[in-house]
PDB file of N, CA and C in Angstrom:
ATOM      1  N   UNK A   1     -46.736  51.674  36.614  1.00  0.00           N
ATOM      2  CA  UNK A   1     -47.636  50.941  35.766  1.00  0.00           C
ATOM      3  C   UNK A   1     -47.044  49.563  35.488  1.00  0.00           C
ATOM      4  N   UNK A   2     -47.885  48.584  35.592  1.00  0.00           N
ATOM      5  CA  UNK A   2     -47.417  47.218  35.379  1.00  0.00           C
ATOM      6  C   UNK A   2     -47.455  46.875  33.900  1.00  0.00           C
ATOM      7  N   UNK A   3     -46.499  46.032  33.489  1.00  0.00           N
ATOM      8  CA  UNK A   3     -46.456  45.603  32.104  1.00  0.00           C
ATOM      9  C   UNK A   3     -47.453  44.470  31.922  1.00  0.00           C
ATOM     10  N   UNK A   4     -48.335  44.570  30.956  1.00  0.00           N
ATOM     11  CA  UNK A   4     -49.294  43.473  30.751  1.00  0.00           C
ATOM     12  C   UNK A   4     -48.569  42.211  30.263  1.00  0.00           C
ATOM     13  N   UNK A   5     -49.151  41.082  30.604  1.00  0.00           N
ATOM     14  CA  UNK A   5     -48.575  39.800  30.184  1.00  0.00           C
ATOM     15  C   UNK A   5     -48.894  39.620  28.712  1.00  0.00           C
ATOM     16  N   UNK A   6     -47.857  39.386  27.971  1.00  0.00           N
ATOM     17  CA  UNK A   6     -48.055  39.217  26.527  1.00  0.00           C
ATOM     18  C   UNK A   6     -48.145  37.725  26.205  1.00  0.00           C
ATOM     19  N   UNK A   7     -49.078  37.398  25.450  1.00  0.00           N
ATOM     20  CA  UNK A   7     -49.212  36.004  25.007  1.00  0.00           C
ATOM     21  C   UNK A   7     -49.014  35.984  23.503  1.00  0.00           C
ATOM     22  N   UNK A   8     -48.103  35.157  23.095  1.00  0.00           N
ATOM     23  CA  UNK A   8     -47.814  35.062  21.678  1.00  0.00           C
ATOM     24  C   UNK A   8     -48.807  34.157  20.965  1.00  0.00           C
ATOM     25  N   UNK A   9     -48.713  34.121  19.693  1.00  0.00           N
ATOM     26  CA  UNK A   9     -49.608  33.300  18.881  1.00  0.00           C
ATOM     27  C   UNK A   9     -49.075  31.871  18.777  1.00  0.00           C
ATOM     28  N   UNK A  10     -47.880  31.657  19.286  1.00  0.00           N
ATOM     29  CA  UNK A  10     -47.301  30.319  19.203  1.00  0.00           C
ATOM     30  C   UNK A  10     -47.923  29.383  20.235  1.00  0.00           C
ATOM     31  N   UNK A  11     -47.894  28.098  19.892  1.00  0.00           N
ATOM     32  CA  UNK A  11     -48.381  27.087  20.823  1.00  0.00           C
ATOM     33  C   UNK A  11     -47.327  26.853  21.891  1.00  0.00           C
ATOM     34  N   UNK A  12     -47.747  26.450  23.055  1.00  0.00           N
ATOM     35  CA  UNK A  12     -46.775  26.136  24.100  1.00  0.00           C
ATOM     36  C   UNK A  12     -45.820  25.038  23.626  1.00  0.00           C
ATOM     37  N   UNK A  13     -44.642  24.975  24.237  1.00  0.00           N
ATOM     38  CA  UNK A  13     -43.627  23.996  23.827  1.00  0.00           C
ATOM     39  C   UNK A  13     -44.109  22.558  23.951  1.00  0.00           C
ATOM     40  N   UNK A  14     -44.902  22.262  24.967  1.00  0.00           N
ATOM     41  CA  UNK A  14     -45.367  20.885  25.169  1.00  0.00           C
ATOM     42  C   UNK A  14     -46.191  20.410  23.975  1.00  0.00           C
ATOM     43  N   UNK A  15     -46.970  21.291  23.397  1.00  0.00           N
ATOM     44  CA  UNK A  15     -47.786  20.906  22.251  1.00  0.00           C
ATOM     45  C   UNK A  15     -46.974  20.880  20.970  1.00  0.00           C
ATOM     46  N   UNK A  16     -45.950  21.713  20.917  1.00  0.00           N
ATOM     47  CA  UNK A  16     -45.183  21.870  19.693  1.00  0.00           C
ATOM     48  C   UNK A  16     -44.172  20.749  19.471  1.00  0.00           C
ATOM     49  N   UNK A  17     -43.641  20.180  20.565  1.00  0.00           N
ATOM     50  CA  UNK A  17     -42.571  19.197  20.390  1.00  0.00           C
ATOM     51  C   UNK A  17     -43.064  17.988  19.604  1.00  0.00           C
ATOM     52  N   UNK A  18     -42.164  17.403  18.868  1.00  0.00           N
ATOM     53  CA  UNK A  18     -42.511  16.242  18.049  1.00  0.00           C
ATOM     54  C   UNK A  18     -42.613  15.007  18.921  1.00  0.00           C
ATOM     55  N   UNK A  19     -43.410  14.050  18.455  1.00  0.00           N
ATOM     56  CA  UNK A  19     -43.567  12.802  19.194  1.00  0.00           C
ATOM     57  C   UNK A  19     -42.328  11.941  18.994  1.00  0.00           C
ATOM     58  N   UNK A  20     -41.952  11.267  20.052  1.00  0.00           N
ATOM     59  CA  UNK A  20     -40.812  10.358  19.941  1.00  0.00           C
ATOM     60  C   UNK A  20     -41.233   9.151  19.113  1.00  0.00           C
ATOM     61  N   UNK A  21     -40.280   8.389  18.566  1.00  0.00           N
ATOM     62  CA  UNK A  21     -40.642   7.197  17.775  1.00  0.00           C
ATOM     63  C   UNK A  21     -41.504   6.201  18.539  1.00  0.00           C
ATOM     64  N   UNK A  22     -41.276   6.090  19.839  1.00  0.00           N
ATOM     65  CA  UNK A  22     -42.077   5.158  20.651  1.00  0.00           C
ATOM     66  C   UNK A  22     -43.517   5.644  20.724  1.00  0.00           C
ATOM     67  N   UNK A  23     -43.694   6.958  20.929  1.00  0.00           N
ATOM     68  CA  UNK A  23     -45.045   7.518  20.992  1.00  0.00           C
ATOM     69  C   UNK A  23     -45.732   7.441  19.638  1.00  0.00           C
ATOM     70  N   UNK A  24     -44.979   7.634  18.571  1.00  0.00           N
ATOM     71  CA  UNK A  24     -45.553   7.571  17.227  1.00  0.00           C
ATOM     72  C   UNK A  24     -46.075   6.176  16.929  1.00  0.00           C
ATOM     73  N   UNK A  25     -45.321   5.145  17.341  1.00  0.00           N
ATOM     74  CA  UNK A  25     -45.775   3.767  17.124  1.00  0.00           C
ATOM     75  C   UNK A  25     -47.022   3.469  17.938  1.00  0.00           C
ATOM     76  N   UNK A  26     -47.092   4.006  19.151  1.00  0.00           N
ATOM     77  CA  UNK A  26     -48.230   3.746  20.030  1.00  0.00           C
ATOM     78  C   UNK A  26     -49.512   4.350  19.477  1.00  0.00           C
ATOM     79  N   UNK A  27     -49.396   5.470  18.791  1.00  0.00           N
ATOM     80  CA  UNK A  27     -50.590   6.121  18.267  1.00  0.00           C
ATOM     81  C   UNK A  27     -50.913   5.705  16.838  1.00  0.00           C
ATOM     82  N   UNK A  28     -50.015   4.947  16.200  1.00  0.00           N
ATOM     83  CA  UNK A  28     -50.255   4.499  14.826  1.00  0.00           C
ATOM     84  C   UNK A  28     -51.379   3.468  14.808  1.00  0.00           C
ATOM     85  N   UNK A  29     -51.941   3.257  13.643  1.00  0.00           N
ATOM     86  CA  UNK A  29     -53.014   2.275  13.495  1.00  0.00           C
ATOM     87  C   UNK A  29     -52.480   0.894  13.865  1.00  0.00           C
ATOM     88  N   UNK A  30     -53.300   0.071  14.532  1.00  0.00           N
ATOM     89  CA  UNK A  30     -52.827  -1.257  14.934  1.00  0.00           C
ATOM     90  C   UNK A  30     -52.518  -2.122  13.711  1.00  0.00           C
ATOM     91  N   UNK A  31     -51.398  -2.823  13.786  1.00  0.00           N
ATOM     92  CA  UNK A  31     -50.995  -3.709  12.697  1.00  0.00           C
ATOM     93  C   UNK A  31     -51.652  -5.070  12.896  1.00  0.00           C
ATOM     94  N   UNK A  32     -51.610  -5.873  11.847  1.00  0.00           N
ATOM     95  CA  UNK A  32     -52.119  -7.232  11.972  1.00  0.00           C
ATOM     96  C   UNK A  32     -51.256  -7.973  12.979  1.00  0.00           C
ATOM     97  N   UNK A  33     -51.899  -8.801  13.773  1.00  0.00           N
ATOM     98  CA  UNK A  33     -51.145  -9.571  14.750  1.00  0.00           C
ATOM     99  C   UNK A  33     -50.415 -10.710  14.067  1.00  0.00           C
ATOM    100  N   UNK A  34     -49.255 -11.019  14.580  1.00  0.00           N
ATOM    101  CA  UNK A  34     -48.472 -12.132  14.058  1.00  0.00           C
ATOM    102  C   UNK A  34     -49.152 -13.418  14.489  1.00  0.00           C
ATOM    103  N   UNK A  35     -49.326 -14.375  13.571  1.00  0.00           N
ATOM    104  CA  UNK A  35     -49.962 -15.629  13.966  1.00  0.00           C
ATOM    105  C   UNK A  35     -49.111 -16.357  15.001  1.00  0.00           C
ATOM    106  N   UNK A  36     -49.747 -17.148  15.857  1.00  0.00           N
ATOM    107  CA  UNK A  36     -48.987 -17.852  16.890  1.00  0.00           C
ATOM    108  C   UNK A  36     -48.022 -18.860  16.281  1.00  0.00           C
ATOM    109  N   UNK A  37     -46.924 -19.108  17.001  1.00  0.00           N
ATOM    110  CA  UNK A  37     -45.938 -20.080  16.538  1.00  0.00           C
ATOM    111  C   UNK A  37     -46.520 -21.485  16.515  1.00  0.00           C
ATOM    112  N   UNK A  38     -47.370 -21.763  17.478  1.00  0.00           N
ATOM    113  CA  UNK A  38     -47.934 -23.106  17.566  1.00  0.00           C
ATOM    114  C   UNK A  38     -49.441 -23.010  17.734  1.00  0.00           C
ATOM    115  N   UNK A  39     -50.167 -23.789  16.928  1.00  0.00           N
ATOM    116  CA  UNK A  39     -51.631 -23.762  16.990  1.00  0.00           C
ATOM    117  C   UNK A  39     -52.189 -24.892  17.847  1.00  0.00           C
ATOM    118  N   UNK A  40     -51.348 -25.817  18.235  1.00  0.00           N
ATOM    119  CA  UNK A  40     -51.735 -26.995  19.013  1.00  0.00           C
ATOM    120  C   UNK A  40     -52.586 -27.976  18.212  1.00  0.00           C
ATOM    121  N   UNK A  41     -52.696 -27.798  16.915  1.00  0.00           N
ATOM    122  CA  UNK A  41     -53.458 -28.728  16.081  1.00  0.00           C
ATOM    123  C   UNK A  41     -52.789 -30.102  16.074  1.00  0.00           C
ATOM    124  N   UNK A  42     -51.470 -30.116  16.007  1.00  0.00           N
ATOM    125  CA  UNK A  42     -50.741 -31.388  16.010  1.00  0.00           C
ATOM    126  C   UNK A  42     -50.983 -32.126  17.322  1.00  0.00           C
ATOM    127  N   UNK A  43     -50.892 -31.418  18.443  1.00  0.00           N
ATOM    128  CA  UNK A  43     -51.128 -32.039  19.751  1.00  0.00           C
ATOM    129  C   UNK A  43     -52.549 -32.576  19.848  1.00  0.00           C
ATOM    130  N   UNK A  44     -53.515 -31.798  19.390  1.00  0.00           N
ATOM    131  CA  UNK A  44     -54.912 -32.228  19.421  1.00  0.00           C
ATOM    132  C   UNK A  44     -55.093 -33.516  18.613  1.00  0.00           C
ATOM    133  N   UNK A  45     -54.462 -33.589  17.422  1.00  0.00           N
ATOM    134  CA  UNK A  45     -54.580 -34.758  16.554  1.00  0.00           C
ATOM    135  C   UNK A  45     -53.998 -35.993  17.239  1.00  0.00           C
ATOM    136  N   UNK A  46     -52.791 -35.859  17.785  1.00  0.00           N
ATOM    137  CA  UNK A  46     -52.162 -37.010  18.451  1.00  0.00           C
ATOM    138  C   UNK A  46     -52.979 -37.485  19.636  1.00  0.00           C
ATOM    139  N   UNK A  47     -53.472 -36.565  20.442  1.00  0.00           N
ATOM    140  CA  UNK A  47     -54.262 -36.947  21.615  1.00  0.00           C
ATOM    141  C   UNK A  47     -55.533 -37.670  21.193  1.00  0.00           C
ATOM    142  N   UNK A  48     -56.185 -37.179  20.146  1.00  0.00           N
ATOM    143  CA  UNK A  48     -57.411 -37.817  19.661  1.00  0.00           C
ATOM    144  C   UNK A  48     -57.126 -39.245  19.194  1.00  0.00           C
ATOM    145  N   UNK A  49     -56.039 -39.425  18.428  1.00  0.00           N
ATOM    146  CA  UNK A  49     -55.710 -40.758  17.921  1.00  0.00           C
ATOM    147  C   UNK A  49     -55.278 -41.687  19.059  1.00  0.00           C
ATOM    148  N   UNK A  50     -54.599 -41.170  20.064  1.00  0.00           N
ATOM    149  CA  UNK A  50     -54.173 -41.986  21.205  1.00  0.00           C
ATOM    150  C   UNK A  50     -55.381 -42.428  22.027  1.00  0.00           C
ATOM    151  N   UNK A  51     -56.302 -41.511  22.302  1.00  0.00           N
ATOM    152  CA  UNK A  51     -57.466 -41.830  23.132  1.00  0.00           C
ATOM    153  C   UNK A  51     -58.384 -42.848  22.475  1.00  0.00           C
ATOM    154  N   UNK A  52     -58.529 -42.780  21.156  1.00  0.00           N
ATOM    155  CA  UNK A  52     -59.406 -43.721  20.456  1.00  0.00           C
ATOM    156  C   UNK A  52     -58.664 -44.968  19.988  1.00  0.00           C
ATOM    157  N   UNK A  53     -57.325 -44.998  20.231  1.00  0.00           N
ATOM    158  CA  UNK A  53     -56.471 -46.124  19.795  1.00  0.00           C
ATOM    159  C   UNK A  53     -56.685 -46.429  18.307  1.00  0.00           C
ATOM    160  N   UNK A  54     -56.680 -45.378  17.519  1.00  0.00           N
ATOM    161  CA  UNK A  54     -56.890 -45.482  16.080  1.00  0.00           C
ATOM    162  C   UNK A  54     -55.689 -46.146  15.413  1.00  0.00           C
ATOM    163  N   UNK A  55     -55.902 -47.226  14.637  1.00  0.00           N
ATOM    164  CA  UNK A  55     -54.785 -47.805  13.877  1.00  0.00           C
ATOM    165  C   UNK A  55     -54.288 -46.796  12.839  1.00  0.00           C
ATOM    166  N   UNK A  56     -52.989 -46.603  12.805  1.00  0.00           N
ATOM    167  CA  UNK A  56     -52.384 -45.606  11.928  1.00  0.00           C
ATOM    168  C   UNK A  56     -51.373 -46.257  11.002  1.00  0.00           C
ATOM    169  N   UNK A  57     -51.159 -45.617   9.859  1.00  0.00           N
ATOM    170  CA  UNK A  57     -50.100 -45.992   8.932  1.00  0.00           C
ATOM    171  C   UNK A  57     -49.121 -44.817   8.933  1.00  0.00           C
ATOM    172  N   UNK A  58     -47.856 -45.125   9.222  1.00  0.00           N
ATOM    173  CA  UNK A  58     -46.818 -44.099   9.245  1.00  0.00           C
ATOM    174  C   UNK A  58     -45.844 -44.413   8.120  1.00  0.00           C
ATOM    175  N   UNK A  59     -45.694 -43.499   7.182  1.00  0.00           N
ATOM    176  CA  UNK A  59     -44.771 -43.676   6.066  1.00  0.00           C
ATOM    177  C   UNK A  59     -43.527 -42.842   6.352  1.00  0.00           C
ATOM    178  N   UNK A  60     -42.390 -43.522   6.395  1.00  0.00           N
ATOM    179  CA  UNK A  60     -41.136 -42.846   6.676  1.00  0.00           C
ATOM    180  C   UNK A  60     -40.533 -42.272   5.400  1.00  0.00           C
ATOM    181  N   UNK A  61     -39.576 -41.366   5.557  1.00  0.00           N
ATOM    182  CA  UNK A  61     -38.946 -40.717   4.404  1.00  0.00           C
ATOM    183  C   UNK A  61     -38.197 -41.712   3.527  1.00  0.00           C
ATOM    184  N   UNK A  62     -37.725 -42.810   4.120  1.00  0.00           N
ATOM    185  CA  UNK A  62     -37.003 -43.808   3.314  1.00  0.00           C
ATOM    186  C   UNK A  62     -37.947 -44.790   2.628  1.00  0.00           C
ATOM    187  N   UNK A  63     -39.261 -44.596   2.770  1.00  0.00           N
ATOM    188  CA  UNK A  63     -40.244 -45.428   2.091  1.00  0.00           C
ATOM    189  C   UNK A  63     -40.806 -46.551   2.939  1.00  0.00           C
ATOM    190  N   UNK A  64     -40.230 -46.801   4.113  1.00  0.00           N
ATOM    191  CA  UNK A  64     -40.729 -47.867   4.983  1.00  0.00           C
ATOM    192  C   UNK A  64     -42.108 -47.490   5.514  1.00  0.00           C
ATOM    193  N   UNK A  65     -42.997 -48.486   5.601  1.00  0.00           N
ATOM    194  CA  UNK A  65     -44.367 -48.271   6.053  1.00  0.00           C
ATOM    195  C   UNK A  65     -44.557 -49.006   7.372  1.00  0.00           C
ATOM    196  N   UNK A  66     -45.054 -48.281   8.378  1.00  0.00           N
ATOM    197  CA  UNK A  66     -45.301 -48.858   9.698  1.00  0.00           C
ATOM    198  C   UNK A  66     -46.796 -48.835   9.983  1.00  0.00           C
ATOM    199  N   UNK A  67     -47.309 -49.916  10.556  1.00  0.00           N
ATOM    200  CA  UNK A  67     -48.708 -49.993  10.972  1.00  0.00           C
ATOM    201  C   UNK A  67     -48.723 -50.134  12.483  1.00  0.00           C
ATOM    202  N   UNK A  68     -49.550 -49.328  13.155  1.00  0.00           N
ATOM    203  CA  UNK A  68     -49.625 -49.439  14.605  1.00  0.00           C
ATOM    204  C   UNK A  68     -50.495 -48.346  15.201  1.00  0.00           C
ATOM    205  N   UNK A  69     -50.452 -48.290  16.523  1.00  0.00           N
ATOM    206  CA  UNK A  69     -51.236 -47.324  17.287  1.00  0.00           C
ATOM    207  C   UNK A  69     -50.260 -46.400  18.011  1.00  0.00           C
ATOM    208  N   UNK A  70     -50.557 -45.115  18.025  1.00  0.00           N
ATOM    209  CA  UNK A  70     -49.700 -44.163  18.722  1.00  0.00           C
ATOM    210  C   UNK A  70     -49.949 -44.312  20.228  1.00  0.00           C
ATOM    211  N   UNK A  71     -48.883 -44.658  20.965  1.00  0.00           N
ATOM    212  CA  UNK A  71     -49.012 -44.799  22.417  1.00  0.00           C
ATOM    213  C   UNK A  71     -48.766 -43.457  23.103  1.00  0.00           C
ATOM    214  N   UNK A  72     -47.710 -42.767  22.704  1.00  0.00           N
ATOM    215  CA  UNK A  72     -47.429 -41.430  23.235  1.00  0.00           C
ATOM    216  C   UNK A  72     -46.574 -40.660  22.255  1.00  0.00           C
ATOM    217  N   UNK A  73     -46.445 -39.376  22.520  1.00  0.00           N
ATOM    218  CA  UNK A  73     -45.654 -38.500  21.660  1.00  0.00           C
ATOM    219  C   UNK A  73     -44.984 -37.451  22.526  1.00  0.00           C
ATOM    220  N   UNK A  74     -43.948 -36.842  22.000  1.00  0.00           N
ATOM    221  CA  UNK A  74     -43.359 -35.663  22.622  1.00  0.00           C
ATOM    222  C   UNK A  74     -42.942 -34.710  21.510  1.00  0.00           C
ATOM    223  N   UNK A  75     -42.123 -33.751  21.825  1.00  0.00           N
ATOM    224  CA  UNK A  75     -41.774 -32.722  20.853  1.00  0.00           C
ATOM    225  C   UNK A  75     -41.116 -33.290  19.600  1.00  0.00           C
ATOM    226  N   UNK A  76     -40.316 -34.347  19.740  1.00  0.00           N
ATOM    227  CA  UNK A  76     -39.562 -34.835  18.598  1.00  0.00           C
ATOM    228  C   UNK A  76     -39.804 -36.269  18.184  1.00  0.00           C
ATOM    229  N   UNK A  77     -40.693 -37.006  18.876  1.00  0.00           N
ATOM    230  CA  UNK A  77     -40.846 -38.423  18.536  1.00  0.00           C
ATOM    231  C   UNK A  77     -42.240 -38.951  18.850  1.00  0.00           C
ATOM    232  N   UNK A  78     -42.531 -40.127  18.278  1.00  0.00           N
ATOM    233  CA  UNK A  78     -43.776 -40.865  18.525  1.00  0.00           C
ATOM    234  C   UNK A  78     -43.410 -42.275  18.944  1.00  0.00           C
ATOM    235  N   UNK A  79     -44.180 -42.862  19.845  1.00  0.00           N
ATOM    236  CA  UNK A  79     -44.015 -44.284  20.148  1.00  0.00           C
ATOM    237  C   UNK A  79     -45.166 -45.012  19.481  1.00  0.00           C
ATOM    238  N   UNK A  80     -44.828 -45.935  18.599  1.00  0.00           N
ATOM    239  CA  UNK A  80     -45.821 -46.699  17.837  1.00  0.00           C
ATOM    240  C   UNK A  80     -45.881 -48.119  18.393  1.00  0.00           C
ATOM    241  N   UNK A  81     -47.058 -48.534  18.875  1.00  0.00           N
ATOM    242  CA  UNK A  81     -47.269 -49.915  19.304  1.00  0.00           C
ATOM    243  C   UNK A  81     -47.767 -50.710  18.112  1.00  0.00           C
ATOM    244  N   UNK A  82     -47.112 -51.849  17.868  1.00  0.00           N
ATOM    245  CA  UNK A  82     -47.489 -52.675  16.725  1.00  0.00           C
ATOM    246  C   UNK A  82     -47.879 -54.061  17.200  1.00  0.00           C
ATOM    247  N   UNK A  83     -48.835 -54.701  16.511  1.00  0.00           N
ATOM    248  CA  UNK A  83     -49.236 -56.082  16.803  1.00  0.00           C
ATOM    249  C   UNK A  83     -48.305 -57.024  16.080  1.00  0.00           C
ATOM    250  N   UNK A  84     -47.754 -57.996  16.791  1.00  0.00           N
ATOM    251  CA  UNK A  84     -46.900 -59.003  16.172  1.00  0.00           C
ATOM    252  C   UNK A  84     -45.540 -58.477  15.754  1.00  0.00           C
ATOM    253  N   UNK A  85     -45.155 -57.316  16.204  1.00  0.00           N
ATOM    254  CA  UNK A  85     -43.857 -56.734  15.868  1.00  0.00           C
ATOM    255  C   UNK A  85     -43.421 -55.854  17.043  1.00  0.00           C
ATOM    256  N   UNK A  86     -42.140 -55.575  17.135  1.00  0.00           N
ATOM    257  CA  UNK A  86     -41.678 -54.727  18.237  1.00  0.00           C
ATOM    258  C   UNK A  86     -42.263 -53.305  18.157  1.00  0.00           C
ATOM    259  N   UNK A  87     -42.457 -52.726  19.325  1.00  0.00           N
ATOM    260  CA  UNK A  87     -42.892 -51.328  19.380  1.00  0.00           C
ATOM    261  C   UNK A  87     -41.715 -50.449  18.978  1.00  0.00           C
ATOM    262  N   UNK A  88     -42.011 -49.300  18.389  1.00  0.00           N
ATOM    263  CA  UNK A  88     -40.952 -48.443  17.872  1.00  0.00           C
ATOM    264  C   UNK A  88     -41.061 -47.016  18.396  1.00  0.00           C
ATOM    265  N   UNK A  89     -39.897 -46.409  18.597  1.00  0.00           N
ATOM    266  CA  UNK A  89     -39.810 -44.985  18.860  1.00  0.00           C
ATOM    267  C   UNK A  89     -39.358 -44.351  17.562  1.00  0.00           C
ATOM    268  N   UNK A  90     -40.211 -43.515  16.965  1.00  0.00           N
ATOM    269  CA  UNK A  90     -39.935 -42.956  15.649  1.00  0.00           C
ATOM    270  C   UNK A  90     -39.745 -41.445  15.790  1.00  0.00           C
ATOM    271  N   UNK A  91     -38.638 -40.936  15.260  1.00  0.00           N
ATOM    272  CA  UNK A  91     -38.429 -39.491  15.271  1.00  0.00           C
ATOM    273  C   UNK A  91     -39.379 -38.837  14.277  1.00  0.00           C
ATOM    274  N   UNK A  92     -39.995 -37.734  14.682  1.00  0.00           N
ATOM    275  CA  UNK A  92     -40.927 -37.024  13.797  1.00  0.00           C
ATOM    276  C   UNK A  92     -40.221 -36.540  12.533  1.00  0.00           C
ATOM    277  N   UNK A  93     -38.947 -36.222  12.649  1.00  0.00           N
ATOM    278  CA  UNK A  93     -38.211 -35.729  11.487  1.00  0.00           C
ATOM    279  C   UNK A  93     -38.035 -36.797  10.411  1.00  0.00           C
ATOM    280  N   UNK A  94     -38.199 -38.073  10.779  1.00  0.00           N
ATOM    281  CA  UNK A  94     -38.055 -39.145   9.790  1.00  0.00           C
ATOM    282  C   UNK A  94     -39.396 -39.560   9.182  1.00  0.00           C
ATOM    283  N   UNK A  95     -40.486 -38.939   9.613  1.00  0.00           N
ATOM    284  CA  UNK A  95     -41.825 -39.269   9.106  1.00  0.00           C
ATOM    285  C   UNK A  95     -42.130 -38.409   7.887  1.00  0.00           C
ATOM    286  N   UNK A  96     -42.514 -39.083   6.802  1.00  0.00           N
ATOM    287  CA  UNK A  96     -42.919 -38.369   5.587  1.00  0.00           C
ATOM    288  C   UNK A  96     -44.372 -37.921   5.722  1.00  0.00           C
ATOM    289  N   UNK A  97     -45.253 -38.865   6.075  1.00  0.00           N
ATOM    290  CA  UNK A  97     -46.657 -38.562   6.346  1.00  0.00           C
ATOM    291  C   UNK A  97     -47.285 -39.720   7.079  1.00  0.00           C
ATOM    292  N   UNK A  98     -48.495 -39.522   7.590  1.00  0.00           N
ATOM    293  CA  UNK A  98     -49.233 -40.588   8.281  1.00  0.00           C
ATOM    294  C   UNK A  98     -50.720 -40.412   8.016  1.00  0.00           C
ATOM    295  N   UNK A  99     -51.430 -41.508   8.149  1.00  0.00           N
ATOM    296  CA  UNK A  99     -52.875 -41.460   7.951  1.00  0.00           C
ATOM    297  C   UNK A  99     -53.513 -42.605   8.715  1.00  0.00           C
ATOM    298  N   UNK A 100     -54.836 -42.543   8.854  1.00  0.00           N
ATOM    299  CA  UNK A 100     -55.566 -43.602   9.553  1.00  0.00           C
ATOM    300  C   UNK A 100     -55.541 -44.865   8.706  1.00  0.00           C
ATOM    301  N   UNK A 101     -55.348 -46.009   9.367  1.00  0.00           N
ATOM    302  CA  UNK A 101     -55.305 -47.294   8.684  1.00  0.00           C
ATOM    303  C   UNK A 101     -56.743 -47.728   8.400  1.00  0.00           C
ATOM    304  N   UNK A 102     -57.072 -47.889   7.133  1.00  0.00           N
ATOM    305  CA  UNK A 102     -58.436 -48.255   6.732  1.00  0.00           C
ATOM    306  C   UNK A 102     -58.648 -49.773   6.757  1.00  0.00           C
ATOM    307  N   UNK A 103     -57.572 -50.555   6.925  1.00  0.00           N
ATOM    308  CA  UNK A 103     -57.652 -52.014   6.868  1.00  0.00           C
ATOM    309  C   UNK A 103     -58.639 -52.581   7.891  1.00  0.00           C
ATOM    310  N   UNK A 104     -58.586 -52.075   9.134  1.00  0.00           N
ATOM    311  CA  UNK A 104     -59.403 -52.636  10.200  1.00  0.00           C
ATOM    312  C   UNK A 104     -60.900 -52.365  10.010  1.00  0.00           C
ATOM    313  N   UNK A 105     -61.240 -51.333   9.254  1.00  0.00           N
ATOM    314  CA  UNK A 105     -62.651 -51.022   9.009  1.00  0.00           C
ATOM    315  C   UNK A 105     -63.316 -52.046   8.092  1.00  0.00           C
ATOM    316  N   UNK A 106     -62.520 -52.721   7.238  1.00  0.00           N
ATOM    317  CA  UNK A 106     -63.080 -53.684   6.280  1.00  0.00           C
ATOM    318  C   UNK A 106     -63.422 -55.016   6.935  1.00  0.00           C
ATOM    319  N   UNK A 107     -62.800 -55.348   8.066  1.00  0.00           N
ATOM    320  CA  UNK A 107     -63.008 -56.672   8.718  1.00  0.00           C
ATOM    321  C   UNK A 107     -64.306 -56.727   9.448  1.00  0.00           C
TER     322      UNK A 107
END
């Protein structure tokens, strides 16, 4: 007489084993995404001002005020073209703030 196959009430080992930390993270609810490091808003602004040759006022951290047009920019500096004065290469780290020059609109 053959012995019948006995099946226990326990779940198979594959179902019973715990999920690894990697699997647990994969099945967890999605977290908020980290915002991007760079939004390209600064690049968009510089390109717009360069293309339209907008007169700008650049105020440096030491209080000096520069008037001119942005010719080009890179990661750390701006080249400012000025009328009647030498063109300048200005480090972005030395800029306090800048804005559009309203003087030319009044003429």
